[in-house]
């Protein structure tokens, strides 16, 4: 029992030692598609997050949450009317909300040819909306099922970004295999110094909320050794899982956008767990790449949408 106590104490000490740097950038929603990461977006995002933070950071939270205020899940308004890229560098994912329902108006995936695995290819699904079916919340986050026969994936709403969860998709008619999973957000190159400072500040709050949720979860577990051990293991593995998920996001070391979103999602998951709404597991690690070097997908221009329903062409090397 003493060993378990020391293990928990060591993890808590490590958590307190983590510097509260970086933060999240909230992007405006329900507007015409514009390049993400601009200075106006950073200013509006900071104000929106501050307002949401006040609502969610009141004292109390009820006995079921150990007195910790609930961390609210990001809403659809933070992604509606925006265009995103996978890891802030490739592909296109456009979301619209012309009425009450969220729609995906465009999806471009960059992958590798099935017949020539070393050659890049591109699949463009556009020319009409892609149906999104609301699903059960995933670790507290608003979630949708993307209805694509050749590529079934789930989409979680992050703050000014989305995360796709699924497997590598094979578009045999297009001779293209592509992996849609990961964080889709604003182009990494478009996030400037002002936005990075806003992300740094807001990332700090997300880290603080996640640590508070972890301590409350331990307190709620009480003397249940197995449950406490699982909570500690999940928290200990979160940092490495976040690193795996965000390490390929464009210029992540300069702005920390992806890490801020994943950290906020972790805080939301812990809050949901405290309310008895499902387990809060660390983020799924991305699929391990197959052995052998392959060229990195090039950035795709998001400005001019295609009118073709589905097509494939070798990407520029």
C-alpha atoms as a PDB file:
ATOM      1  CA  UNK A   1       0.000   0.000   0.000  1.00  0.00           C
ATOM      2  CA  UNK A   2       2.905   2.328   0.819  1.00  0.00           C
ATOM      3  CA  UNK A   3       4.366   1.760  -2.654  1.00  0.00           C
ATOM      4  CA  UNK A   4       1.056   2.703  -4.281  1.00  0.00           C
ATOM      5  CA  UNK A   5       0.857   5.854  -2.102  1.00  0.00           C
ATOM      6  CA  UNK A   6       4.381   6.899  -3.115  1.00  0.00           C
ATOM      7  CA  UNK A   7       3.541   6.217  -6.802  1.00  0.00           C
ATOM      8  CA  UNK A   8       0.470   8.488  -6.644  1.00  0.00           C
ATOM      9  CA  UNK A   9       2.423  11.174  -4.742  1.00  0.00           C
ATOM     10  CA  UNK A  10       5.211  11.105  -7.363  1.00  0.00           C
ATOM     11  CA  UNK A  11       2.753  11.524 -10.229  1.00  0.00           C
ATOM     12  CA  UNK A  12       1.023  14.433  -8.473  1.00  0.00           C
ATOM     13  CA  UNK A  13       4.388  16.103  -7.835  1.00  0.00           C
ATOM     14  CA  UNK A  14       5.277  15.741 -11.503  1.00  0.00           C
ATOM     15  CA  UNK A  15       1.975  17.247 -12.551  1.00  0.00           C
ATOM     16  CA  UNK A  16       2.464  20.294 -10.344  1.00  0.00           C
ATOM     17  CA  UNK A  17       5.948  20.751 -11.783  1.00  0.00           C
ATOM     18  CA  UNK A  18       4.687  21.046 -15.357  1.00  0.00           C
ATOM     19  CA  UNK A  19       4.975  24.704 -16.438  1.00  0.00           C
ATOM     20  CA  UNK A  20       1.653  26.175 -17.563  1.00  0.00           C
ATOM     21  CA  UNK A  21       2.760  27.269 -20.999  1.00  0.00           C
ATOM     22  CA  UNK A  22       0.913  27.456 -24.273  1.00  0.00           C
ATOM     23  CA  UNK A  23      -2.874  27.510 -24.530  1.00  0.00           C
ATOM     24  CA  UNK A  24      -5.730  27.227 -26.933  1.00  0.00           C
ATOM     25  CA  UNK A  25      -6.909  29.569 -29.669  1.00  0.00           C
ATOM     26  CA  UNK A  26     -10.656  29.801 -30.172  1.00  0.00           C
ATOM     27  CA  UNK A  27     -11.691  30.496 -33.740  1.00  0.00           C
ATOM     28  CA  UNK A  28     -14.933  32.350 -34.615  1.00  0.00           C
ATOM     29  CA  UNK A  29     -17.725  30.277 -36.064  1.00  0.00           C
ATOM     30  CA  UNK A  30     -20.817  30.761 -38.198  1.00  0.00           C
ATOM     31  CA  UNK A  31     -19.002  32.976 -40.668  1.00  0.00           C
ATOM     32  CA  UNK A  32     -18.024  32.613 -44.304  1.00  0.00           C
ATOM     33  CA  UNK A  33     -14.965  30.387 -44.800  1.00  0.00           C
ATOM     34  CA  UNK A  34     -11.802  32.393 -44.256  1.00  0.00           C
ATOM     35  CA  UNK A  35      -8.184  31.419 -43.726  1.00  0.00           C
ATOM     36  CA  UNK A  36      -7.808  30.309 -40.134  1.00  0.00           C
ATOM     37  CA  UNK A  37      -5.153  31.636 -37.787  1.00  0.00           C
ATOM     38  CA  UNK A  38      -5.530  35.349 -38.561  1.00  0.00           C
ATOM     39  CA  UNK A  39      -5.049  38.012 -35.900  1.00  0.00           C
ATOM     40  CA  UNK A  40      -8.796  38.860 -35.691  1.00  0.00           C
ATOM     41  CA  UNK A  41      -9.519  35.183 -35.113  1.00  0.00           C
ATOM     42  CA  UNK A  42      -7.045  35.074 -32.233  1.00  0.00           C
ATOM     43  CA  UNK A  43      -8.588  38.110 -30.562  1.00  0.00           C
ATOM     44  CA  UNK A  44     -12.128  36.798 -30.943  1.00  0.00           C
ATOM     45  CA  UNK A  45     -11.014  33.344 -29.828  1.00  0.00           C
ATOM     46  CA  UNK A  46      -9.397  34.632 -26.659  1.00  0.00           C
ATOM     47  CA  UNK A  47     -12.547  36.591 -25.740  1.00  0.00           C
ATOM     48  CA  UNK A  48     -14.779  33.571 -26.419  1.00  0.00           C
ATOM     49  CA  UNK A  49     -12.627  31.216 -24.336  1.00  0.00           C
ATOM     50  CA  UNK A  50     -12.474  33.727 -21.486  1.00  0.00           C
ATOM     51  CA  UNK A  51     -16.272  34.000 -21.467  1.00  0.00           C
ATOM     52  CA  UNK A  52     -16.680  30.224 -21.541  1.00  0.00           C
ATOM     53  CA  UNK A  53     -14.049  29.867 -18.835  1.00  0.00           C
ATOM     54  CA  UNK A  54     -15.984  32.163 -16.475  1.00  0.00           C
ATOM     55  CA  UNK A  55     -19.109  30.070 -16.911  1.00  0.00           C
ATOM     56  CA  UNK A  56     -17.236  26.835 -16.241  1.00  0.00           C
ATOM     57  CA  UNK A  57     -14.854  27.980 -13.494  1.00  0.00           C
ATOM     58  CA  UNK A  58     -17.311  28.922 -10.749  1.00  0.00           C
ATOM     59  CA  UNK A  59     -16.800  27.523  -7.275  1.00  0.00           C
ATOM     60  CA  UNK A  60     -18.484  24.295  -6.317  1.00  0.00           C
ATOM     61  CA  UNK A  61     -19.282  21.758  -8.975  1.00  0.00           C
ATOM     62  CA  UNK A  62     -21.251  19.442  -6.726  1.00  0.00           C
ATOM     63  CA  UNK A  63     -20.148  16.453  -4.677  1.00  0.00           C
ATOM     64  CA  UNK A  64     -20.063  14.188  -7.744  1.00  0.00           C
ATOM     65  CA  UNK A  65     -17.228  16.321  -9.166  1.00  0.00           C
ATOM     66  CA  UNK A  66     -15.274  16.679  -5.960  1.00  0.00           C
ATOM     67  CA  UNK A  67     -16.039  20.403  -5.886  1.00  0.00           C
ATOM     68  CA  UNK A  68     -14.303  20.969  -9.251  1.00  0.00           C
ATOM     69  CA  UNK A  69     -16.163  23.083 -11.801  1.00  0.00           C
ATOM     70  CA  UNK A  70     -17.188  21.337 -15.008  1.00  0.00           C
ATOM     71  CA  UNK A  71     -15.089  21.952 -18.131  1.00  0.00           C
ATOM     72  CA  UNK A  72     -17.545  22.563 -20.949  1.00  0.00           C
ATOM     73  CA  UNK A  73     -17.155  20.843 -24.316  1.00  0.00           C
ATOM     74  CA  UNK A  74     -16.479  23.116 -27.321  1.00  0.00           C
ATOM     75  CA  UNK A  75     -19.563  23.945 -29.382  1.00  0.00           C
ATOM     76  CA  UNK A  76     -20.214  23.615 -33.108  1.00  0.00           C
ATOM     77  CA  UNK A  77     -20.053  27.397 -33.507  1.00  0.00           C
ATOM     78  CA  UNK A  78     -16.260  27.199 -33.184  1.00  0.00           C
ATOM     79  CA  UNK A  79     -15.954  25.112 -36.383  1.00  0.00           C
ATOM     80  CA  UNK A  80     -18.948  26.126 -38.542  1.00  0.00           C
ATOM     81  CA  UNK A  81     -17.962  28.129 -41.619  1.00  0.00           C
ATOM     82  CA  UNK A  82     -14.307  27.102 -41.383  1.00  0.00           C
ATOM     83  CA  UNK A  83     -11.842  25.133 -43.516  1.00  0.00           C
ATOM     84  CA  UNK A  84      -9.235  22.936 -41.880  1.00  0.00           C
ATOM     85  CA  UNK A  85      -6.204  20.866 -42.867  1.00  0.00           C
ATOM     86  CA  UNK A  86      -4.973  17.586 -41.418  1.00  0.00           C
ATOM     87  CA  UNK A  87      -2.098  18.389 -39.069  1.00  0.00           C
ATOM     88  CA  UNK A  88      -2.397  21.944 -40.364  1.00  0.00           C
ATOM     89  CA  UNK A  89      -0.601  20.973 -43.559  1.00  0.00           C
ATOM     90  CA  UNK A  90      -2.478  18.699 -45.976  1.00  0.00           C
ATOM     91  CA  UNK A  91      -5.953  17.984 -47.282  1.00  0.00           C
ATOM     92  CA  UNK A  92      -9.084  20.069 -46.831  1.00  0.00           C
ATOM     93  CA  UNK A  93     -12.080  19.660 -44.540  1.00  0.00           C
ATOM     94  CA  UNK A  94     -14.826  22.302 -44.770  1.00  0.00           C
ATOM     95  CA  UNK A  95     -17.769  22.556 -42.364  1.00  0.00           C
ATOM     96  CA  UNK A  96     -20.915  24.639 -42.801  1.00  0.00           C
ATOM     97  CA  UNK A  97     -24.054  25.213 -40.790  1.00  0.00           C
ATOM     98  CA  UNK A  98     -26.570  26.825 -43.183  1.00  0.00           C
ATOM     99  CA  UNK A  99     -29.408  25.955 -40.795  1.00  0.00           C
ATOM    100  CA  UNK A 100     -29.308  24.164 -37.453  1.00  0.00           C
ATOM    101  CA  UNK A 101     -27.494  21.049 -38.635  1.00  0.00           C
ATOM    102  CA  UNK A 102     -23.729  20.907 -39.170  1.00  0.00           C
ATOM    103  CA  UNK A 103     -22.657  19.778 -42.660  1.00  0.00           C
ATOM    104  CA  UNK A 104     -19.363  18.791 -44.250  1.00  0.00           C
ATOM    105  CA  UNK A 105     -19.223  20.521 -47.630  1.00  0.00           C
ATOM    106  CA  UNK A 106     -15.790  19.308 -48.747  1.00  0.00           C
ATOM    107  CA  UNK A 107     -13.222  16.670 -47.896  1.00  0.00           C
ATOM    108  CA  UNK A 108      -9.862  16.262 -49.622  1.00  0.00           C
ATOM    109  CA  UNK A 109      -7.567  13.443 -48.515  1.00  0.00           C
ATOM    110  CA  UNK A 110      -3.901  13.034 -49.430  1.00  0.00           C
ATOM    111  CA  UNK A 111      -2.572   9.489 -49.436  1.00  0.00           C
ATOM    112  CA  UNK A 112      -0.583   6.923 -51.410  1.00  0.00           C
ATOM    113  CA  UNK A 113      -1.457   5.003 -54.543  1.00  0.00           C
ATOM    114  CA  UNK A 114      -2.545   1.422 -53.893  1.00  0.00           C
ATOM    115  CA  UNK A 115      -0.728   0.174 -56.994  1.00  0.00           C
ATOM    116  CA  UNK A 116       2.377   2.280 -56.304  1.00  0.00           C
ATOM    117  CA  UNK A 117       2.651   2.781 -52.525  1.00  0.00           C
ATOM    118  CA  UNK A 118       5.540   5.231 -52.856  1.00  0.00           C
ATOM    119  CA  UNK A 119       3.514   7.613 -55.035  1.00  0.00           C
ATOM    120  CA  UNK A 120       1.247  10.277 -53.539  1.00  0.00           C
ATOM    121  CA  UNK A 121      -2.390  10.583 -54.578  1.00  0.00           C
ATOM    122  CA  UNK A 122      -5.355  12.805 -53.840  1.00  0.00           C
ATOM    123  CA  UNK A 123      -9.048  12.023 -53.307  1.00  0.00           C
ATOM    124  CA  UNK A 124     -11.451  14.952 -53.566  1.00  0.00           C
ATOM    125  CA  UNK A 125     -15.003  14.486 -52.265  1.00  0.00           C
ATOM    126  CA  UNK A 126     -17.035  17.596 -53.019  1.00  0.00           C
ATOM    127  CA  UNK A 127     -19.864  18.908 -55.171  1.00  0.00           C
ATOM    128  CA  UNK A 128     -22.448  18.352 -52.416  1.00  0.00           C
ATOM    129  CA  UNK A 129     -22.767  17.962 -48.668  1.00  0.00           C
ATOM    130  CA  UNK A 130     -21.347  14.938 -46.871  1.00  0.00           C
ATOM    131  CA  UNK A 131     -23.892  13.695 -44.345  1.00  0.00           C
ATOM    132  CA  UNK A 132     -23.000  13.947 -40.675  1.00  0.00           C
ATOM    133  CA  UNK A 133     -25.001  11.863 -38.221  1.00  0.00           C
ATOM    134  CA  UNK A 134     -24.945  12.990 -34.568  1.00  0.00           C
ATOM    135  CA  UNK A 135     -23.576  10.237 -32.360  1.00  0.00           C
ATOM    136  CA  UNK A 136     -23.154   9.734 -28.623  1.00  0.00           C
ATOM    137  CA  UNK A 137     -20.671  12.041 -26.965  1.00  0.00           C
ATOM    138  CA  UNK A 138     -17.114  10.748 -27.087  1.00  0.00           C
ATOM    139  CA  UNK A 139     -15.429  11.411 -23.742  1.00  0.00           C
ATOM    140  CA  UNK A 140     -17.633  14.461 -23.269  1.00  0.00           C
ATOM    141  CA  UNK A 141     -17.057  15.896 -26.755  1.00  0.00           C
ATOM    142  CA  UNK A 142     -19.764  16.475 -29.371  1.00  0.00           C
ATOM    143  CA  UNK A 143     -19.293  13.693 -31.910  1.00  0.00           C
ATOM    144  CA  UNK A 144     -20.561  12.836 -35.408  1.00  0.00           C
ATOM    145  CA  UNK A 145     -20.395   9.874 -37.749  1.00  0.00           C
ATOM    146  CA  UNK A 146     -19.140  10.900 -41.208  1.00  0.00           C
ATOM    147  CA  UNK A 147     -21.236   8.964 -43.710  1.00  0.00           C
ATOM    148  CA  UNK A 148     -18.756   7.857 -46.362  1.00  0.00           C
ATOM    149  CA  UNK A 149     -19.162   4.284 -47.596  1.00  0.00           C
ATOM    150  CA  UNK A 150     -15.501   3.907 -48.502  1.00  0.00           C
ATOM    151  CA  UNK A 151     -14.246   5.772 -45.451  1.00  0.00           C
ATOM    152  CA  UNK A 152     -16.337   5.521 -42.258  1.00  0.00           C
ATOM    153  CA  UNK A 153     -14.903   7.812 -39.592  1.00  0.00           C
ATOM    154  CA  UNK A 154     -16.026   9.599 -36.439  1.00  0.00           C
ATOM    155  CA  UNK A 155     -15.530  13.330 -35.926  1.00  0.00           C
ATOM    156  CA  UNK A 156     -15.127  14.999 -32.533  1.00  0.00           C
ATOM    157  CA  UNK A 157     -15.585  18.761 -32.155  1.00  0.00           C
ATOM    158  CA  UNK A 158     -12.551  20.432 -30.590  1.00  0.00           C
ATOM    159  CA  UNK A 159     -12.138  24.173 -30.007  1.00  0.00           C
ATOM    160  CA  UNK A 160     -11.760  25.683 -33.466  1.00  0.00           C
ATOM    161  CA  UNK A 161     -10.688  22.291 -34.854  1.00  0.00           C
ATOM    162  CA  UNK A 162     -11.921  18.708 -35.227  1.00  0.00           C
ATOM    163  CA  UNK A 163     -10.441  15.295 -34.669  1.00  0.00           C
ATOM    164  CA  UNK A 164     -11.224  12.422 -37.016  1.00  0.00           C
ATOM    165  CA  UNK A 165     -11.070   8.887 -35.643  1.00  0.00           C
ATOM    166  CA  UNK A 166     -10.981   5.918 -37.975  1.00  0.00           C
ATOM    167  CA  UNK A 167      -8.866   3.589 -40.063  1.00  0.00           C
ATOM    168  CA  UNK A 168      -6.896   3.965 -43.280  1.00  0.00           C
ATOM    169  CA  UNK A 169      -9.405   4.189 -46.142  1.00  0.00           C
ATOM    170  CA  UNK A 170      -8.967   2.522 -49.517  1.00  0.00           C
ATOM    171  CA  UNK A 171     -10.605   4.195 -52.515  1.00  0.00           C
ATOM    172  CA  UNK A 172     -10.107   1.379 -55.019  1.00  0.00           C
ATOM    173  CA  UNK A 173     -11.753   3.223 -57.909  1.00  0.00           C
ATOM    174  CA  UNK A 174      -9.268   6.032 -57.398  1.00  0.00           C
ATOM    175  CA  UNK A 175      -6.312   3.691 -56.682  1.00  0.00           C
ATOM    176  CA  UNK A 176      -5.698   5.676 -53.507  1.00  0.00           C
ATOM    177  CA  UNK A 177      -5.231   4.799 -49.846  1.00  0.00           C
ATOM    178  CA  UNK A 178      -5.509   7.626 -47.304  1.00  0.00           C
ATOM    179  CA  UNK A 179      -5.544   8.025 -43.528  1.00  0.00           C
ATOM    180  CA  UNK A 180      -8.052  10.693 -42.399  1.00  0.00           C
ATOM    181  CA  UNK A 181      -7.436  10.300 -38.663  1.00  0.00           C
ATOM    182  CA  UNK A 182      -5.851  13.045 -36.609  1.00  0.00           C
ATOM    183  CA  UNK A 183      -6.393  16.691 -35.712  1.00  0.00           C
ATOM    184  CA  UNK A 184      -7.698  18.941 -38.498  1.00  0.00           C
ATOM    185  CA  UNK A 185      -7.147  22.608 -37.771  1.00  0.00           C
ATOM    186  CA  UNK A 186      -5.953  25.889 -39.294  1.00  0.00           C
ATOM    187  CA  UNK A 187      -2.818  25.830 -41.455  1.00  0.00           C
ATOM    188  CA  UNK A 188       0.148  25.833 -39.107  1.00  0.00           C
ATOM    189  CA  UNK A 189       1.945  28.415 -41.211  1.00  0.00           C
ATOM    190  CA  UNK A 190      -0.962  30.859 -40.776  1.00  0.00           C
ATOM    191  CA  UNK A 191      -0.678  31.037 -36.974  1.00  0.00           C
ATOM    192  CA  UNK A 192       1.361  34.138 -36.145  1.00  0.00           C
ATOM    193  CA  UNK A 193       3.073  35.420 -33.023  1.00  0.00           C
ATOM    194  CA  UNK A 194      -0.026  37.111 -31.607  1.00  0.00           C
ATOM    195  CA  UNK A 195      -2.076  33.939 -31.978  1.00  0.00           C
ATOM    196  CA  UNK A 196       0.735  31.879 -30.423  1.00  0.00           C
ATOM    197  CA  UNK A 197       0.670  34.104 -27.324  1.00  0.00           C
ATOM    198  CA  UNK A 198      -3.087  33.596 -27.005  1.00  0.00           C
ATOM    199  CA  UNK A 199      -2.592  29.839 -27.357  1.00  0.00           C
ATOM    200  CA  UNK A 200       0.135  29.910 -24.687  1.00  0.00           C
ATOM    201  CA  UNK A 201      -2.141  31.640 -22.201  1.00  0.00           C
ATOM    202  CA  UNK A 202      -5.158  29.456 -22.831  1.00  0.00           C
ATOM    203  CA  UNK A 203      -3.130  26.236 -22.863  1.00  0.00           C
ATOM    204  CA  UNK A 204      -2.153  27.077 -19.301  1.00  0.00           C
ATOM    205  CA  UNK A 205      -5.782  27.108 -18.213  1.00  0.00           C
ATOM    206  CA  UNK A 206      -6.478  23.813 -19.989  1.00  0.00           C
ATOM    207  CA  UNK A 207      -3.506  22.212 -18.189  1.00  0.00           C
ATOM    208  CA  UNK A 208      -4.762  23.542 -14.861  1.00  0.00           C
ATOM    209  CA  UNK A 209      -8.276  22.222 -15.460  1.00  0.00           C
ATOM    210  CA  UNK A 210      -6.938  18.799 -16.487  1.00  0.00           C
ATOM    211  CA  UNK A 211      -4.816  18.524 -13.325  1.00  0.00           C
ATOM    212  CA  UNK A 212      -7.773  19.568 -11.162  1.00  0.00           C
ATOM    213  CA  UNK A 213      -9.937  16.951 -12.854  1.00  0.00           C
ATOM    214  CA  UNK A 214      -7.295  14.282 -12.260  1.00  0.00           C
ATOM    215  CA  UNK A 215      -7.053  15.079  -8.548  1.00  0.00           C
ATOM    216  CA  UNK A 216     -10.847  15.080  -8.230  1.00  0.00           C
ATOM    217  CA  UNK A 217     -11.034  11.693  -9.992  1.00  0.00           C
ATOM    218  CA  UNK A 218      -8.520  10.257  -7.512  1.00  0.00           C
ATOM    219  CA  UNK A 219     -10.489  11.677  -4.615  1.00  0.00           C
ATOM    220  CA  UNK A 220     -13.718  10.195  -5.974  1.00  0.00           C
ATOM    221  CA  UNK A 221     -12.055   6.771  -6.371  1.00  0.00           C
ATOM    222  CA  UNK A 222     -11.346   6.806  -2.628  1.00  0.00           C
ATOM    223  CA  UNK A 223      -9.879   3.541  -1.392  1.00  0.00           C
ATOM    224  CA  UNK A 224     -10.517   1.633  -4.628  1.00  0.00           C
ATOM    225  CA  UNK A 225      -6.923   0.666  -5.407  1.00  0.00           C
ATOM    226  CA  UNK A 226      -7.541  -0.758  -8.888  1.00  0.00           C
ATOM    227  CA  UNK A 227      -9.561   2.269  -9.981  1.00  0.00           C
ATOM    228  CA  UNK A 228      -7.001   4.698  -8.562  1.00  0.00           C
ATOM    229  CA  UNK A 229      -4.187   2.833 -10.304  1.00  0.00           C
ATOM    230  CA  UNK A 230      -5.998   3.056 -13.647  1.00  0.00           C
ATOM    231  CA  UNK A 231      -6.607   6.797 -13.204  1.00  0.00           C
ATOM    232  CA  UNK A 232      -2.928   7.369 -12.443  1.00  0.00           C
ATOM    233  CA  UNK A 233      -1.828   5.279 -15.433  1.00  0.00           C
ATOM    234  CA  UNK A 234      -4.165   7.161 -17.774  1.00  0.00           C
ATOM    235  CA  UNK A 235      -2.843  10.503 -16.564  1.00  0.00           C
ATOM    236  CA  UNK A 236       0.764   9.381 -16.797  1.00  0.00           C
ATOM    237  CA  UNK A 237       0.311   8.190 -20.400  1.00  0.00           C
ATOM    238  CA  UNK A 238      -1.574  11.289 -21.544  1.00  0.00           C
ATOM    239  CA  UNK A 239       1.507  13.403 -22.268  1.00  0.00           C
ATOM    240  CA  UNK A 240       3.075  10.778 -24.529  1.00  0.00           C
ATOM    241  CA  UNK A 241      -0.237  10.190 -26.320  1.00  0.00           C
ATOM    242  CA  UNK A 242      -0.595  13.933 -26.909  1.00  0.00           C
ATOM    243  CA  UNK A 243       2.951  14.110 -28.251  1.00  0.00           C
ATOM    244  CA  UNK A 244       2.259  11.300 -30.720  1.00  0.00           C
ATOM    245  CA  UNK A 245      -0.943  12.931 -31.911  1.00  0.00           C
ATOM    246  CA  UNK A 246       0.480  16.449 -32.311  1.00  0.00           C
ATOM    247  CA  UNK A 247       4.115  15.965 -33.311  1.00  0.00           C
ATOM    248  CA  UNK A 248       3.311  16.190 -37.040  1.00  0.00           C
ATOM    249  CA  UNK A 249       1.157  19.308 -36.794  1.00  0.00           C
ATOM    250  CA  UNK A 250       2.800  22.032 -38.901  1.00  0.00           C
ATOM    251  CA  UNK A 251       4.967  24.383 -36.792  1.00  0.00           C
ATOM    252  CA  UNK A 252       3.571  22.905 -33.588  1.00  0.00           C
ATOM    253  CA  UNK A 253       6.777  23.773 -31.764  1.00  0.00           C
ATOM    254  CA  UNK A 254       6.154  27.441 -32.591  1.00  0.00           C
ATOM    255  CA  UNK A 255       2.511  27.782 -31.525  1.00  0.00           C
ATOM    256  CA  UNK A 256       1.303  24.627 -29.723  1.00  0.00           C
ATOM    257  CA  UNK A 257      -2.162  24.766 -31.315  1.00  0.00           C
ATOM    258  CA  UNK A 258      -2.731  21.000 -31.462  1.00  0.00           C
ATOM    259  CA  UNK A 259      -1.515  20.368 -27.910  1.00  0.00           C
ATOM    260  CA  UNK A 260      -3.844  23.062 -26.580  1.00  0.00           C
ATOM    261  CA  UNK A 261      -6.851  21.401 -28.228  1.00  0.00           C
ATOM    262  CA  UNK A 262      -5.935  17.922 -27.038  1.00  0.00           C
ATOM    263  CA  UNK A 263      -5.324  19.206 -23.496  1.00  0.00           C
ATOM    264  CA  UNK A 264      -8.728  20.881 -23.415  1.00  0.00           C
ATOM    265  CA  UNK A 265     -10.293  17.640 -24.672  1.00  0.00           C
ATOM    266  CA  UNK A 266      -8.582  15.783 -21.808  1.00  0.00           C
ATOM    267  CA  UNK A 267     -10.057  18.258 -19.284  1.00  0.00           C
ATOM    268  CA  UNK A 268     -13.509  17.778 -20.843  1.00  0.00           C
ATOM    269  CA  UNK A 269     -13.116  13.977 -20.666  1.00  0.00           C
ATOM    270  CA  UNK A 270     -12.181  14.061 -16.977  1.00  0.00           C
ATOM    271  CA  UNK A 271     -15.107  16.360 -16.249  1.00  0.00           C
ATOM    272  CA  UNK A 272     -17.455  13.961 -18.046  1.00  0.00           C
ATOM    273  CA  UNK A 273     -16.029  11.043 -16.065  1.00  0.00           C
ATOM    274  CA  UNK A 274     -16.666  12.845 -12.794  1.00  0.00           C
ATOM    275  CA  UNK A 275     -20.281  13.339 -13.855  1.00  0.00           C
ATOM    276  CA  UNK A 276     -20.536   9.609 -14.554  1.00  0.00           C
ATOM    277  CA  UNK A 277     -20.745  10.042 -18.326  1.00  0.00           C
ATOM    278  CA  UNK A 278     -18.099   7.527 -19.371  1.00  0.00           C
ATOM    279  CA  UNK A 279     -14.436   6.755 -18.866  1.00  0.00           C
ATOM    280  CA  UNK A 280     -11.789   9.358 -19.626  1.00  0.00           C
ATOM    281  CA  UNK A 281      -9.085   7.496 -21.474  1.00  0.00           C
ATOM    282  CA  UNK A 282      -5.991   9.151 -22.943  1.00  0.00           C
ATOM    283  CA  UNK A 283      -6.214  10.088 -26.605  1.00  0.00           C
ATOM    284  CA  UNK A 284      -5.850   7.166 -28.998  1.00  0.00           C
ATOM    285  CA  UNK A 285      -2.342   6.926 -30.353  1.00  0.00           C
ATOM    286  CA  UNK A 286      -2.172   7.320 -34.138  1.00  0.00           C
ATOM    287  CA  UNK A 287      -1.546   4.228 -36.234  1.00  0.00           C
ATOM    288  CA  UNK A 288       2.074   3.259 -36.504  1.00  0.00           C
ATOM    289  CA  UNK A 289       3.477   3.828 -40.010  1.00  0.00           C
ATOM    290  CA  UNK A 290       4.606   0.818 -41.960  1.00  0.00           C
ATOM    291  CA  UNK A 291       8.376   0.282 -42.342  1.00  0.00           C
ATOM    292  CA  UNK A 292      10.038   2.082 -45.186  1.00  0.00           C
ATOM    293  CA  UNK A 293      10.406   5.735 -46.065  1.00  0.00           C
ATOM    294  CA  UNK A 294       7.640   7.486 -47.930  1.00  0.00           C
ATOM    295  CA  UNK A 295       7.474  11.057 -49.160  1.00  0.00           C
ATOM    296  CA  UNK A 296       5.582  13.402 -46.835  1.00  0.00           C
ATOM    297  CA  UNK A 297       2.271  14.666 -48.237  1.00  0.00           C
ATOM    298  CA  UNK A 298       2.575  18.175 -49.641  1.00  0.00           C
ATOM    299  CA  UNK A 299       0.357  21.036 -48.534  1.00  0.00           C
ATOM    300  CA  UNK A 300      -2.868  21.463 -50.501  1.00  0.00           C
ATOM    301  CA  UNK A 301      -4.291  24.811 -51.539  1.00  0.00           C
ATOM    302  CA  UNK A 302      -7.586  25.320 -49.694  1.00  0.00           C
ATOM    303  CA  UNK A 303      -8.708  28.398 -51.604  1.00  0.00           C
ATOM    304  CA  UNK A 304     -10.357  26.955 -54.731  1.00  0.00           C
ATOM    305  CA  UNK A 305     -12.861  24.125 -54.154  1.00  0.00           C
ATOM    306  CA  UNK A 306     -13.257  21.471 -56.814  1.00  0.00           C
ATOM    307  CA  UNK A 307     -16.561  20.733 -58.514  1.00  0.00           C
ATOM    308  CA  UNK A 308     -15.795  17.081 -59.292  1.00  0.00           C
ATOM    309  CA  UNK A 309     -17.560  14.564 -57.006  1.00  0.00           C
ATOM    310  CA  UNK A 310     -14.578  12.221 -56.656  1.00  0.00           C
ATOM    311  CA  UNK A 311     -11.342  12.118 -58.546  1.00  0.00           C
ATOM    312  CA  UNK A 312      -7.778  11.079 -58.073  1.00  0.00           C
ATOM    313  CA  UNK A 313      -4.628  12.400 -59.594  1.00  0.00           C
ATOM    314  CA  UNK A 314      -0.995  11.852 -58.635  1.00  0.00           C
ATOM    315  CA  UNK A 315       0.071  14.606 -56.291  1.00  0.00           C
ATOM    316  CA  UNK A 316       2.969  16.835 -57.220  1.00  0.00           C
ATOM    317  CA  UNK A 317       6.208  15.522 -55.960  1.00  0.00           C
END
